[in-house]
């Protein structure tokens, strides 16, 4: 389906920061993003709540407006705008679901707790991912790849089994074992930092 003149105009108004353009964009595509949220959650067996629905939709909108509408500016009109936004929003939602699942597994946050302000949330996400990547580097490559695919890339057990050639029924126990290892490593790391901070002499003004 080709890009309609209505959507072409709406897109142009948004990237030009035209008054009321973003409100019109939200009104037009909120229903689409809600559908993608629910379909993605259902396909990945993620329990849906109103808070999680709101958070995931908000994440899509935040990503669309960041960097001066960079995602919208990359649209070249080779399909309908709705088709492009479906693909883009699904990627954003899958990534956010995977981030939350990893954060929960690592004991960082409750995955259904509404996020903090956008800037603080972005900073926390970066710190979470940096810590996870650091911890993954301490695992054997095959184990790290399983964890990365499941928690960071959002792959299902079936997808991991297919791509890595391992039995699907072995993935759950493997993930549980690896999460215990990573949590232990994280706890030791936090204790080391606390010891180092506590051992520093106080600075007198």
C-alpha atoms as a PDB file:
ATOM      1  CA  UNK A   1       0.000   0.000   0.000  1.00  0.00           C
ATOM      2  CA  UNK A   2       1.390   3.373  -1.036  1.00  0.00           C
ATOM      3  CA  UNK A   3       1.919   6.394   1.164  1.00  0.00           C
ATOM      4  CA  UNK A   4      -1.216   8.544   1.169  1.00  0.00           C
ATOM      5  CA  UNK A   5      -1.124  12.286   0.700  1.00  0.00           C
ATOM      6  CA  UNK A   6      -2.708  12.712   4.135  1.00  0.00           C
ATOM      7  CA  UNK A   7       0.101  10.783   5.838  1.00  0.00           C
ATOM      8  CA  UNK A   8       2.733  12.488   3.710  1.00  0.00           C
ATOM      9  CA  UNK A   9       1.432  15.858   4.881  1.00  0.00           C
ATOM     10  CA  UNK A  10       1.188  14.679   8.496  1.00  0.00           C
ATOM     11  CA  UNK A  11       4.761  13.422   8.404  1.00  0.00           C
ATOM     12  CA  UNK A  12       6.047  16.670   6.911  1.00  0.00           C
ATOM     13  CA  UNK A  13       4.214  18.703   9.538  1.00  0.00           C
ATOM     14  CA  UNK A  14       5.673  16.607  12.358  1.00  0.00           C
ATOM     15  CA  UNK A  15       9.306  16.831  11.300  1.00  0.00           C
ATOM     16  CA  UNK A  16       8.826  20.573  10.712  1.00  0.00           C
ATOM     17  CA  UNK A  17       7.478  20.937  14.269  1.00  0.00           C
ATOM     18  CA  UNK A  18       4.228  22.374  12.971  1.00  0.00           C
ATOM     19  CA  UNK A  19       1.762  23.339  15.741  1.00  0.00           C
ATOM     20  CA  UNK A  20      -0.649  20.499  16.602  1.00  0.00           C
ATOM     21  CA  UNK A  21       1.092  18.097  14.196  1.00  0.00           C
ATOM     22  CA  UNK A  22       2.292  15.765  16.949  1.00  0.00           C
ATOM     23  CA  UNK A  23      -1.153  15.692  18.560  1.00  0.00           C
ATOM     24  CA  UNK A  24      -2.642  14.703  15.192  1.00  0.00           C
ATOM     25  CA  UNK A  25       0.030  12.035  14.764  1.00  0.00           C
ATOM     26  CA  UNK A  26      -0.717  10.539  18.204  1.00  0.00           C
ATOM     27  CA  UNK A  27      -4.463  10.568  17.526  1.00  0.00           C
ATOM     28  CA  UNK A  28      -3.967   8.788  14.209  1.00  0.00           C
ATOM     29  CA  UNK A  29      -1.514   6.068  15.276  1.00  0.00           C
ATOM     30  CA  UNK A  30      -2.158   5.407  18.973  1.00  0.00           C
ATOM     31  CA  UNK A  31      -4.585   2.613  18.095  1.00  0.00           C
ATOM     32  CA  UNK A  32      -1.977   1.020  15.835  1.00  0.00           C
ATOM     33  CA  UNK A  33       0.677   1.074  18.557  1.00  0.00           C
ATOM     34  CA  UNK A  34      -1.745  -0.386  21.112  1.00  0.00           C
ATOM     35  CA  UNK A  35      -2.462  -3.226  18.698  1.00  0.00           C
ATOM     36  CA  UNK A  36       1.254  -3.867  18.200  1.00  0.00           C
ATOM     37  CA  UNK A  37       1.839  -3.815  21.975  1.00  0.00           C
ATOM     38  CA  UNK A  38      -0.846  -6.415  22.625  1.00  0.00           C
ATOM     39  CA  UNK A  39       0.058  -8.611  19.664  1.00  0.00           C
ATOM     40  CA  UNK A  40       3.757  -8.585  20.603  1.00  0.00           C
ATOM     41  CA  UNK A  41       3.013  -9.318  24.263  1.00  0.00           C
ATOM     42  CA  UNK A  42       0.705 -12.185  23.322  1.00  0.00           C
ATOM     43  CA  UNK A  43       3.232 -13.707  20.919  1.00  0.00           C
ATOM     44  CA  UNK A  44       5.896 -13.629  23.648  1.00  0.00           C
ATOM     45  CA  UNK A  45       3.615 -14.722  26.507  1.00  0.00           C
ATOM     46  CA  UNK A  46       4.138 -11.439  28.377  1.00  0.00           C
ATOM     47  CA  UNK A  47       1.307 -10.687  30.857  1.00  0.00           C
ATOM     48  CA  UNK A  48      -0.272  -7.356  29.971  1.00  0.00           C
ATOM     49  CA  UNK A  49      -1.412  -4.710  32.432  1.00  0.00           C
ATOM     50  CA  UNK A  50      -2.653  -1.172  31.889  1.00  0.00           C
ATOM     51  CA  UNK A  51       0.585   0.225  33.346  1.00  0.00           C
ATOM     52  CA  UNK A  52       2.719  -1.906  31.046  1.00  0.00           C
ATOM     53  CA  UNK A  53       0.536  -1.000  28.061  1.00  0.00           C
ATOM     54  CA  UNK A  54       0.960   2.712  28.840  1.00  0.00           C
ATOM     55  CA  UNK A  55       4.710   2.341  29.398  1.00  0.00           C
ATOM     56  CA  UNK A  56       5.305   0.513  26.115  1.00  0.00           C
ATOM     57  CA  UNK A  57       3.244   2.982  24.101  1.00  0.00           C
ATOM     58  CA  UNK A  58       5.060   5.863  25.795  1.00  0.00           C
ATOM     59  CA  UNK A  59       8.383   4.218  24.914  1.00  0.00           C
ATOM     60  CA  UNK A  60       7.361   4.102  21.250  1.00  0.00           C
ATOM     61  CA  UNK A  61       6.435   7.788  21.232  1.00  0.00           C
ATOM     62  CA  UNK A  62       9.622   8.782  23.076  1.00  0.00           C
ATOM     63  CA  UNK A  63      11.747   6.905  20.548  1.00  0.00           C
ATOM     64  CA  UNK A  64       9.880   8.494  17.634  1.00  0.00           C
ATOM     65  CA  UNK A  65      10.467  12.069  18.815  1.00  0.00           C
ATOM     66  CA  UNK A  66      14.060  11.679  20.023  1.00  0.00           C
ATOM     67  CA  UNK A  67      16.895  13.165  17.992  1.00  0.00           C
ATOM     68  CA  UNK A  68      14.498  15.536  16.226  1.00  0.00           C
ATOM     69  CA  UNK A  69      12.212  12.779  14.866  1.00  0.00           C
ATOM     70  CA  UNK A  70      15.132  10.813  13.435  1.00  0.00           C
ATOM     71  CA  UNK A  71      13.076   7.634  12.929  1.00  0.00           C
ATOM     72  CA  UNK A  72      10.354   9.505  11.060  1.00  0.00           C
ATOM     73  CA  UNK A  73      12.944  11.318   8.955  1.00  0.00           C
ATOM     74  CA  UNK A  74      14.371   7.956   7.830  1.00  0.00           C
ATOM     75  CA  UNK A  75      11.067   6.964   6.259  1.00  0.00           C
ATOM     76  CA  UNK A  76      11.436   6.986   2.457  1.00  0.00           C
ATOM     77  CA  UNK A  77       7.824   6.391   1.446  1.00  0.00           C
ATOM     78  CA  UNK A  78       8.342   2.948  -0.109  1.00  0.00           C
ATOM     79  CA  UNK A  79       5.350   1.617   1.866  1.00  0.00           C
ATOM     80  CA  UNK A  80       2.431   3.075   3.759  1.00  0.00           C
ATOM     81  CA  UNK A  81       3.349   5.036   6.880  1.00  0.00           C
ATOM     82  CA  UNK A  82       1.293   2.587   8.956  1.00  0.00           C
ATOM     83  CA  UNK A  83       3.341  -0.367   7.657  1.00  0.00           C
ATOM     84  CA  UNK A  84       6.611   1.405   8.462  1.00  0.00           C
ATOM     85  CA  UNK A  85       5.418   2.360  11.951  1.00  0.00           C
ATOM     86  CA  UNK A  86       4.239  -1.189  12.623  1.00  0.00           C
ATOM     87  CA  UNK A  87       7.725  -2.552  11.908  1.00  0.00           C
ATOM     88  CA  UNK A  88       9.472   0.229  13.841  1.00  0.00           C
ATOM     89  CA  UNK A  89       7.186   0.073  16.868  1.00  0.00           C
ATOM     90  CA  UNK A  90       7.454  -3.713  17.103  1.00  0.00           C
ATOM     91  CA  UNK A  91      11.257  -3.458  17.244  1.00  0.00           C
ATOM     92  CA  UNK A  92      11.037  -0.784  19.953  1.00  0.00           C
ATOM     93  CA  UNK A  93       8.540  -2.835  21.974  1.00  0.00           C
ATOM     94  CA  UNK A  94      10.502  -6.084  21.673  1.00  0.00           C
ATOM     95  CA  UNK A  95      13.682  -4.298  22.761  1.00  0.00           C
ATOM     96  CA  UNK A  96      11.928  -2.686  25.734  1.00  0.00           C
ATOM     97  CA  UNK A  97      10.316  -5.977  26.782  1.00  0.00           C
ATOM     98  CA  UNK A  98      13.704  -7.694  26.600  1.00  0.00           C
ATOM     99  CA  UNK A  99      15.326  -4.897  28.622  1.00  0.00           C
ATOM    100  CA  UNK A 100      12.663  -5.182  31.311  1.00  0.00           C
ATOM    101  CA  UNK A 101      12.968  -8.954  31.425  1.00  0.00           C
ATOM    102  CA  UNK A 102      16.722  -8.710  31.852  1.00  0.00           C
ATOM    103  CA  UNK A 103      16.416  -5.965  34.479  1.00  0.00           C
ATOM    104  CA  UNK A 104      13.936  -8.086  36.441  1.00  0.00           C
ATOM    105  CA  UNK A 105      16.170 -11.149  36.188  1.00  0.00           C
ATOM    106  CA  UNK A 106      19.127  -9.128  37.449  1.00  0.00           C
ATOM    107  CA  UNK A 107      17.065  -7.695  40.313  1.00  0.00           C
ATOM    108  CA  UNK A 108      17.309  -4.106  39.087  1.00  0.00           C
ATOM    109  CA  UNK A 109      13.642  -3.174  38.779  1.00  0.00           C
ATOM    110  CA  UNK A 110      10.101  -4.440  38.831  1.00  0.00           C
ATOM    111  CA  UNK A 111       9.312  -4.790  35.148  1.00  0.00           C
ATOM    112  CA  UNK A 112       5.771  -3.480  35.672  1.00  0.00           C
ATOM    113  CA  UNK A 113       6.759  -0.352  37.600  1.00  0.00           C
ATOM    114  CA  UNK A 114       6.166   2.813  35.571  1.00  0.00           C
ATOM    115  CA  UNK A 115       9.469   4.351  34.447  1.00  0.00           C
ATOM    116  CA  UNK A 116      11.015   7.492  35.837  1.00  0.00           C
ATOM    117  CA  UNK A 117      11.336  10.710  33.878  1.00  0.00           C
ATOM    118  CA  UNK A 118      12.595  10.107  30.293  1.00  0.00           C
ATOM    119  CA  UNK A 119      16.136  11.373  30.876  1.00  0.00           C
ATOM    120  CA  UNK A 120      16.586   9.372  34.087  1.00  0.00           C
ATOM    121  CA  UNK A 121      15.060   6.291  32.502  1.00  0.00           C
ATOM    122  CA  UNK A 122      17.375   6.479  29.497  1.00  0.00           C
ATOM    123  CA  UNK A 123      20.386   6.810  31.790  1.00  0.00           C
ATOM    124  CA  UNK A 124      19.266   3.834  33.885  1.00  0.00           C
ATOM    125  CA  UNK A 125      18.705   1.712  30.804  1.00  0.00           C
ATOM    126  CA  UNK A 126      22.221   2.492  29.627  1.00  0.00           C
ATOM    127  CA  UNK A 127      23.690   1.596  33.013  1.00  0.00           C
ATOM    128  CA  UNK A 128      21.671  -1.636  33.181  1.00  0.00           C
ATOM    129  CA  UNK A 129      22.817  -2.717  29.739  1.00  0.00           C
ATOM    130  CA  UNK A 130      26.445  -1.778  30.409  1.00  0.00           C
ATOM    131  CA  UNK A 131      26.446  -3.868  33.600  1.00  0.00           C
ATOM    132  CA  UNK A 132      24.802  -6.805  31.827  1.00  0.00           C
ATOM    133  CA  UNK A 133      27.296  -6.658  28.954  1.00  0.00           C
ATOM    134  CA  UNK A 134      30.170  -6.520  31.453  1.00  0.00           C
ATOM    135  CA  UNK A 135      28.833  -9.556  33.310  1.00  0.00           C
ATOM    136  CA  UNK A 136      28.185 -11.454  30.085  1.00  0.00           C
ATOM    137  CA  UNK A 137      31.830 -10.984  29.199  1.00  0.00           C
ATOM    138  CA  UNK A 138      32.755 -13.155  32.176  1.00  0.00           C
ATOM    139  CA  UNK A 139      30.769 -16.145  30.870  1.00  0.00           C
ATOM    140  CA  UNK A 140      31.806 -18.792  28.333  1.00  0.00           C
ATOM    141  CA  UNK A 141      30.861 -17.564  24.829  1.00  0.00           C
ATOM    142  CA  UNK A 142      28.068 -20.120  24.298  1.00  0.00           C
ATOM    143  CA  UNK A 143      26.421 -19.337  27.640  1.00  0.00           C
ATOM    144  CA  UNK A 144      26.728 -15.597  27.065  1.00  0.00           C
ATOM    145  CA  UNK A 145      25.134 -15.973  23.639  1.00  0.00           C
ATOM    146  CA  UNK A 146      22.098 -17.798  25.089  1.00  0.00           C
ATOM    147  CA  UNK A 147      21.584 -15.087  27.716  1.00  0.00           C
ATOM    148  CA  UNK A 148      22.111 -12.282  25.231  1.00  0.00           C
ATOM    149  CA  UNK A 149      19.652 -13.726  22.715  1.00  0.00           C
ATOM    150  CA  UNK A 150      16.935 -14.269  25.328  1.00  0.00           C
ATOM    151  CA  UNK A 151      17.263 -11.189  27.530  1.00  0.00           C
ATOM    152  CA  UNK A 152      18.751  -8.506  25.277  1.00  0.00           C
ATOM    153  CA  UNK A 153      17.503  -9.567  21.830  1.00  0.00           C
ATOM    154  CA  UNK A 154      14.133 -10.863  23.035  1.00  0.00           C
ATOM    155  CA  UNK A 155      14.309 -14.217  21.221  1.00  0.00           C
ATOM    156  CA  UNK A 156      12.002 -17.063  22.236  1.00  0.00           C
ATOM    157  CA  UNK A 157      13.219 -20.505  23.333  1.00  0.00           C
ATOM    158  CA  UNK A 158      12.215 -21.863  19.913  1.00  0.00           C
ATOM    159  CA  UNK A 159      14.226 -19.187  18.087  1.00  0.00           C
ATOM    160  CA  UNK A 160      17.312 -19.782  20.233  1.00  0.00           C
ATOM    161  CA  UNK A 161      17.004 -23.534  19.727  1.00  0.00           C
ATOM    162  CA  UNK A 162      16.745 -23.109  15.969  1.00  0.00           C
ATOM    163  CA  UNK A 163      19.545 -20.566  15.594  1.00  0.00           C
ATOM    164  CA  UNK A 164      22.024 -22.217  17.974  1.00  0.00           C
ATOM    165  CA  UNK A 165      21.149 -25.863  17.377  1.00  0.00           C
ATOM    166  CA  UNK A 166      20.473 -26.722  21.019  1.00  0.00           C
ATOM    167  CA  UNK A 167      17.495 -28.594  22.539  1.00  0.00           C
ATOM    168  CA  UNK A 168      14.633 -26.228  23.349  1.00  0.00           C
ATOM    169  CA  UNK A 169      13.911 -27.950  26.681  1.00  0.00           C
ATOM    170  CA  UNK A 170      17.473 -27.246  27.864  1.00  0.00           C
ATOM    171  CA  UNK A 171      17.222 -23.472  27.490  1.00  0.00           C
ATOM    172  CA  UNK A 172      15.064 -22.735  30.561  1.00  0.00           C
ATOM    173  CA  UNK A 173      17.335 -24.614  33.024  1.00  0.00           C
ATOM    174  CA  UNK A 174      20.407 -23.077  31.379  1.00  0.00           C
ATOM    175  CA  UNK A 175      19.018 -19.555  31.771  1.00  0.00           C
ATOM    176  CA  UNK A 176      18.146 -20.167  35.426  1.00  0.00           C
ATOM    177  CA  UNK A 177      21.665 -21.446  36.132  1.00  0.00           C
ATOM    178  CA  UNK A 178      23.288 -18.514  34.332  1.00  0.00           C
ATOM    179  CA  UNK A 179      21.118 -15.929  36.089  1.00  0.00           C
ATOM    180  CA  UNK A 180      22.201 -17.346  39.430  1.00  0.00           C
ATOM    181  CA  UNK A 181      25.844 -17.047  38.358  1.00  0.00           C
ATOM    182  CA  UNK A 182      25.401 -13.461  37.154  1.00  0.00           C
ATOM    183  CA  UNK A 183      23.498 -12.409  40.263  1.00  0.00           C
ATOM    184  CA  UNK A 184      26.300 -13.817  42.419  1.00  0.00           C
ATOM    185  CA  UNK A 185      28.910 -11.948  40.350  1.00  0.00           C
ATOM    186  CA  UNK A 186      26.882  -8.738  40.565  1.00  0.00           C
ATOM    187  CA  UNK A 187      26.533  -9.064  44.343  1.00  0.00           C
ATOM    188  CA  UNK A 188      30.287  -9.540  44.743  1.00  0.00           C
ATOM    189  CA  UNK A 189      30.927  -6.559  42.462  1.00  0.00           C
ATOM    190  CA  UNK A 190      28.588  -4.354  44.519  1.00  0.00           C
ATOM    191  CA  UNK A 191      30.241  -5.460  47.765  1.00  0.00           C
ATOM    192  CA  UNK A 192      33.671  -4.663  46.335  1.00  0.00           C
ATOM    193  CA  UNK A 193      32.527  -1.179  45.312  1.00  0.00           C
ATOM    194  CA  UNK A 194      30.966  -0.582  48.711  1.00  0.00           C
ATOM    195  CA  UNK A 195      34.200  -1.671  50.425  1.00  0.00           C
ATOM    196  CA  UNK A 196      36.281   0.583  48.200  1.00  0.00           C
ATOM    197  CA  UNK A 197      33.958   3.560  48.766  1.00  0.00           C
ATOM    198  CA  UNK A 198      33.925   2.954  52.500  1.00  0.00           C
ATOM    199  CA  UNK A 199      37.715   2.737  52.631  1.00  0.00           C
ATOM    200  CA  UNK A 200      38.241   6.181  51.129  1.00  0.00           C
ATOM    201  CA  UNK A 201      39.230   8.895  53.561  1.00  0.00           C
ATOM    202  CA  UNK A 202      36.631  11.551  54.139  1.00  0.00           C
ATOM    203  CA  UNK A 203      37.239  14.820  52.349  1.00  0.00           C
ATOM    204  CA  UNK A 204      37.307  17.788  54.710  1.00  0.00           C
ATOM    205  CA  UNK A 205      36.120  21.141  53.453  1.00  0.00           C
END
